[in-house]
Amino acid sequence: MGKGNIIWLGAVIGFSALLVWLLQDVMPFWMLSIILLLLGGLLGNLQRKFNKDT
């Protein structure tokens, strides 16, 4: 695993934890799960786009 991948992984986990912590009282858990899945797909596509150059 490259250094860039570890940074991306840390950023995604940190942002997801922050999002769940902020929204846990506002939304039901199933809705948070769907949002996190969509966010993971979006960030995965962004990472693939940025890493295509190297």
PDB file of N, CA and C in Angstrom:
ATOM      1  N   MET A   1       0.844  -1.179   0.000  1.00  0.00           N
ATOM      2  CA  MET A   1       0.000   0.000   0.000  1.00  0.00           C
ATOM      3  C   MET A   1       0.888   1.241   0.000  1.00  0.00           C
ATOM      4  N   GLY A   2       0.651   2.125  -0.950  1.00  0.00           N
ATOM      5  CA  GLY A   2       1.470   3.325  -1.035  1.00  0.00           C
ATOM      6  C   GLY A   2       1.094   4.357   0.007  1.00  0.00           C
ATOM      7  N   LYS A   3       1.965   5.336   0.142  1.00  0.00           N
ATOM      8  CA  LYS A   3       1.734   6.382   1.139  1.00  0.00           C
ATOM      9  C   LYS A   3       0.481   7.198   0.805  1.00  0.00           C
ATOM     10  N   GLY A   4       0.257   7.436  -0.483  1.00  0.00           N
ATOM     11  CA  GLY A   4      -0.934   8.183  -0.894  1.00  0.00           C
ATOM     12  C   GLY A   4      -2.221   7.456  -0.554  1.00  0.00           C
ATOM     13  N   ASN A   5      -2.209   6.122  -0.712  1.00  0.00           N
ATOM     14  CA  ASN A   5      -3.401   5.338  -0.389  1.00  0.00           C
ATOM     15  C   ASN A   5      -3.714   5.388   1.098  1.00  0.00           C
ATOM     16  N   ILE A   6      -2.678   5.367   1.928  1.00  0.00           N
ATOM     17  CA  ILE A   6      -2.894   5.422   3.376  1.00  0.00           C
ATOM     18  C   ILE A   6      -3.465   6.783   3.771  1.00  0.00           C
ATOM     19  N   ILE A   7      -2.993   7.840   3.124  1.00  0.00           N
ATOM     20  CA  ILE A   7      -3.528   9.180   3.407  1.00  0.00           C
ATOM     21  C   ILE A   7      -4.995   9.263   2.998  1.00  0.00           C
ATOM     22  N   TRP A   8      -5.336   8.733   1.808  1.00  0.00           N
ATOM     23  CA  TRP A   8      -6.730   8.717   1.368  1.00  0.00           C
ATOM     24  C   TRP A   8      -7.593   7.924   2.342  1.00  0.00           C
ATOM     25  N   LEU A   9      -7.098   6.756   2.754  1.00  0.00           N
ATOM     26  CA  LEU A   9      -7.855   5.898   3.664  1.00  0.00           C
ATOM     27  C   LEU A   9      -8.102   6.602   4.993  1.00  0.00           C
ATOM     28  N   GLY A  10      -7.081   7.240   5.530  1.00  0.00           N
ATOM     29  CA  GLY A  10      -7.235   7.984   6.779  1.00  0.00           C
ATOM     30  C   GLY A  10      -8.219   9.129   6.649  1.00  0.00           C
ATOM     31  N   ALA A  11      -8.165   9.833   5.518  1.00  0.00           N
ATOM     32  CA  ALA A  11      -9.082  10.951   5.299  1.00  0.00           C
ATOM     33  C   ALA A  11     -10.525  10.467   5.198  1.00  0.00           C
ATOM     34  N   VAL A  12     -10.738   9.374   4.488  1.00  0.00           N
ATOM     35  CA  VAL A  12     -12.098   8.841   4.329  1.00  0.00           C
ATOM     36  C   VAL A  12     -12.649   8.350   5.663  1.00  0.00           C
ATOM     37  N   ILE A  13     -11.840   7.625   6.427  1.00  0.00           N
ATOM     38  CA  ILE A  13     -12.298   7.117   7.723  1.00  0.00           C
ATOM     39  C   ILE A  13     -12.575   8.271   8.681  1.00  0.00           C
ATOM     40  N   GLY A  14     -11.683   9.252   8.709  1.00  0.00           N
ATOM     41  CA  GLY A  14     -11.885  10.405   9.588  1.00  0.00           C
ATOM     42  C   GLY A  14     -13.123  11.196   9.230  1.00  0.00           C
ATOM     43  N   PHE A  15     -13.314  11.453   7.936  1.00  0.00           N
ATOM     44  CA  PHE A  15     -14.484  12.221   7.506  1.00  0.00           C
ATOM     45  C   PHE A  15     -15.770  11.446   7.763  1.00  0.00           C
ATOM     46  N   SER A  16     -15.748  10.136   7.532  1.00  0.00           N
ATOM     47  CA  SER A  16     -16.935   9.314   7.784  1.00  0.00           C
ATOM     48  C   SER A  16     -17.290   9.298   9.265  1.00  0.00           C
ATOM     49  N   ALA A  17     -16.280   9.171  10.121  1.00  0.00           N
ATOM     50  CA  ALA A  17     -16.534   9.176  11.564  1.00  0.00           C
ATOM     51  C   ALA A  17     -17.103  10.516  12.011  1.00  0.00           C
ATOM     52  N   LEU A  18     -16.568  11.605  11.474  1.00  0.00           N
ATOM     53  CA  LEU A  18     -17.084  12.934  11.812  1.00  0.00           C
ATOM     54  C   LEU A  18     -18.523  13.091  11.349  1.00  0.00           C
ATOM     55  N   LEU A  19     -18.823  12.623  10.143  1.00  0.00           N
ATOM     56  CA  LEU A  19     -20.172  12.725   9.598  1.00  0.00           C
ATOM     57  C   LEU A  19     -21.168  11.936  10.444  1.00  0.00           C
ATOM     58  N   VAL A  20     -20.807  10.713  10.819  1.00  0.00           N
ATOM     59  CA  VAL A  20     -21.697   9.894  11.651  1.00  0.00           C
ATOM     60  C   VAL A  20     -21.894  10.539  13.011  1.00  0.00           C
ATOM     61  N   TRP A  21     -20.823  11.060  13.596  1.00  0.00           N
ATOM     62  CA  TRP A  21     -20.913  11.684  14.916  1.00  0.00           C
ATOM     63  C   TRP A  21     -21.824  12.912  14.886  1.00  0.00           C
ATOM     64  N   LEU A  22     -21.741  13.703  13.808  1.00  0.00           N
ATOM     65  CA  LEU A  22     -22.564  14.909  13.719  1.00  0.00           C
ATOM     66  C   LEU A  22     -24.025  14.597  13.410  1.00  0.00           C
ATOM     67  N   LEU A  23     -24.281  13.556  12.628  1.00  0.00           N
ATOM     68  CA  LEU A  23     -25.638  13.300  12.150  1.00  0.00           C
ATOM     69  C   LEU A  23     -26.346  12.153  12.861  1.00  0.00           C
ATOM     70  N   GLN A  24     -25.733  11.553  13.879  1.00  0.00           N
ATOM     71  CA  GLN A  24     -26.328  10.365  14.494  1.00  0.00           C
ATOM     72  C   GLN A  24     -27.655  10.654  15.195  1.00  0.00           C
ATOM     73  N   ASP A  25     -27.847  11.868  15.695  1.00  0.00           N
ATOM     74  CA  ASP A  25     -29.102  12.192  16.377  1.00  0.00           C
ATOM     75  C   ASP A  25     -30.164  12.707  15.415  1.00  0.00           C
ATOM     76  N   VAL A  26     -29.754  13.081  14.210  1.00  0.00           N
ATOM     77  CA  VAL A  26     -30.675  13.696  13.256  1.00  0.00           C
ATOM     78  C   VAL A  26     -31.306  12.657  12.336  1.00  0.00           C
ATOM     79  N   MET A  27     -30.521  11.656  11.929  1.00  0.00           N
ATOM     80  CA  MET A  27     -30.978  10.681  10.936  1.00  0.00           C
ATOM     81  C   MET A  27     -30.977   9.271  11.514  1.00  0.00           C
ATOM     82  N   PRO A  28     -31.847   8.409  10.984  1.00  0.00           N
ATOM     83  CA  PRO A  28     -31.775   6.999  11.370  1.00  0.00           C
ATOM     84  C   PRO A  28     -30.513   6.346  10.797  1.00  0.00           C
ATOM     85  N   PHE A  29     -30.122   5.227  11.386  1.00  0.00           N
ATOM     86  CA  PHE A  29     -28.859   4.589  11.013  1.00  0.00           C
ATOM     87  C   PHE A  29     -28.850   4.108   9.566  1.00  0.00           C
ATOM     88  N   TRP A  30     -29.989   3.616   9.065  1.00  0.00           N
ATOM     89  CA  TRP A  30     -30.017   3.113   7.691  1.00  0.00           C
ATOM     90  C   TRP A  30     -29.748   4.227   6.696  1.00  0.00           C
ATOM     91  N   MET A  31     -30.228   5.443   6.986  1.00  0.00           N
ATOM     92  CA  MET A  31     -29.985   6.573   6.089  1.00  0.00           C
ATOM     93  C   MET A  31     -28.512   6.976   6.125  1.00  0.00           C
ATOM     94  N   LEU A  32     -27.911   6.945   7.321  1.00  0.00           N
ATOM     95  CA  LEU A  32     -26.481   7.227   7.439  1.00  0.00           C
ATOM     96  C   LEU A  32     -25.664   6.195   6.669  1.00  0.00           C
ATOM     97  N   SER A  33     -26.086   4.938   6.706  1.00  0.00           N
ATOM     98  CA  SER A  33     -25.363   3.887   5.987  1.00  0.00           C
ATOM     99  C   SER A  33     -25.381   4.137   4.483  1.00  0.00           C
ATOM    100  N   ILE A  34     -26.538   4.531   3.961  1.00  0.00           N
ATOM    101  CA  ILE A  34     -26.644   4.818   2.527  1.00  0.00           C
ATOM    102  C   ILE A  34     -25.770   6.008   2.156  1.00  0.00           C
ATOM    103  N   ILE A  35     -25.777   7.049   2.986  1.00  0.00           N
ATOM    104  CA  ILE A  35     -24.949   8.227   2.718  1.00  0.00           C
ATOM    105  C   ILE A  35     -23.473   7.856   2.724  1.00  0.00           C
ATOM    106  N   LEU A  36     -23.054   7.022   3.681  1.00  0.00           N
ATOM    107  CA  LEU A  36     -21.648   6.619   3.740  1.00  0.00           C
ATOM    108  C   LEU A  36     -21.257   5.753   2.546  1.00  0.00           C
ATOM    109  N   LEU A  37     -22.161   4.898   2.073  1.00  0.00           N
ATOM    110  CA  LEU A  37     -21.865   4.107   0.879  1.00  0.00           C
ATOM    111  C   LEU A  37     -21.692   4.998  -0.344  1.00  0.00           C
ATOM    112  N   LEU A  38     -22.582   5.980  -0.503  1.00  0.00           N
ATOM    113  CA  LEU A  38     -22.463   6.909  -1.627  1.00  0.00           C
ATOM    114  C   LEU A  38     -21.189   7.734  -1.528  1.00  0.00           C
ATOM    115  N   LEU A  39     -20.862   8.181  -0.317  1.00  0.00           N
ATOM    116  CA  LEU A  39     -19.644   8.957  -0.105  1.00  0.00           C
ATOM    117  C   LEU A  39     -18.404   8.117  -0.423  1.00  0.00           C
ATOM    118  N   GLY A  40     -18.411   6.856  -0.018  1.00  0.00           N
ATOM    119  CA  GLY A  40     -17.285   5.978  -0.323  1.00  0.00           C
ATOM    120  C   GLY A  40     -17.115   5.766  -1.817  1.00  0.00           C
ATOM    121  N   GLY A  41     -18.222   5.603  -2.530  1.00  0.00           N
ATOM    122  CA  GLY A  41     -18.142   5.463  -3.985  1.00  0.00           C
ATOM    123  C   GLY A  41     -17.618   6.718  -4.653  1.00  0.00           C
ATOM    124  N   LEU A  42     -18.081   7.863  -4.191  1.00  0.00           N
ATOM    125  CA  LEU A  42     -17.626   9.139  -4.749  1.00  0.00           C
ATOM    126  C   LEU A  42     -16.140   9.352  -4.497  1.00  0.00           C
ATOM    127  N   LEU A  43     -15.701   9.111  -3.271  1.00  0.00           N
ATOM    128  CA  LEU A  43     -14.288   9.306  -2.950  1.00  0.00           C
ATOM    129  C   LEU A  43     -13.408   8.271  -3.650  1.00  0.00           C
ATOM    130  N   GLY A  44     -13.912   7.064  -3.851  1.00  0.00           N
ATOM    131  CA  GLY A  44     -13.162   6.060  -4.599  1.00  0.00           C
ATOM    132  C   GLY A  44     -12.951   6.479  -6.045  1.00  0.00           C
ATOM    133  N   ASN A  45     -13.994   7.057  -6.654  1.00  0.00           N
ATOM    134  CA  ASN A  45     -13.860   7.546  -8.025  1.00  0.00           C
ATOM    135  C   ASN A  45     -12.899   8.718  -8.101  1.00  0.00           C
ATOM    136  N   LEU A  46     -12.952   9.606  -7.116  1.00  0.00           N
ATOM    137  CA  LEU A  46     -12.011  10.729  -7.092  1.00  0.00           C
ATOM    138  C   LEU A  46     -10.576  10.237  -6.961  1.00  0.00           C
ATOM    139  N   GLN A  47     -10.358   9.262  -6.091  1.00  0.00           N
ATOM    140  CA  GLN A  47      -9.005   8.736  -5.903  1.00  0.00           C
ATOM    141  C   GLN A  47      -8.499   8.091  -7.189  1.00  0.00           C
ATOM    142  N   ARG A  48      -9.365   7.360  -7.872  1.00  0.00           N
ATOM    143  CA  ARG A  48      -8.957   6.715  -9.121  1.00  0.00           C
ATOM    144  C   ARG A  48      -8.597   7.762 -10.173  1.00  0.00           C
ATOM    145  N   LYS A  49      -9.377   8.853 -10.203  1.00  0.00           N
ATOM    146  CA  LYS A  49      -9.106   9.918 -11.161  1.00  0.00           C
ATOM    147  C   LYS A  49      -7.770  10.602 -10.872  1.00  0.00           C
ATOM    148  N   PHE A  50      -7.487  10.860  -9.592  1.00  0.00           N
ATOM    149  CA  PHE A  50      -6.236  11.522  -9.231  1.00  0.00           C
ATOM    150  C   PHE A  50      -5.034  10.608  -9.424  1.00  0.00           C
ATOM    151  N   ASN A  51      -5.184   9.316  -9.189  1.00  0.00           N
ATOM    152  CA  ASN A  51      -4.057   8.392  -9.284  1.00  0.00           C
ATOM    153  C   ASN A  51      -3.825   7.887 -10.705  1.00  0.00           C
ATOM    154  N   LYS A  52      -4.716   8.231 -11.644  1.00  0.00           N
ATOM    155  CA  LYS A  52      -4.552   7.788 -13.021  1.00  0.00           C
ATOM    156  C   LYS A  52      -3.330   8.434 -13.669  1.00  0.00           C
ATOM    157  N   ASP A  53      -2.969   9.626 -13.208  1.00  0.00           N
ATOM    158  CA  ASP A  53      -1.841  10.353 -13.791  1.00  0.00           C
ATOM    159  C   ASP A  53      -0.509   9.690 -13.486  1.00  0.00           C
ATOM    160  N   THR A  54      -0.393   9.048 -12.325  1.00  0.00           N
ATOM    161  CA  THR A  54       0.911   8.503 -11.919  1.00  0.00           C
ATOM    162  C   THR A  54       1.137   7.114 -12.463  1.00  0.00           C
TER     163      THR A  54
END
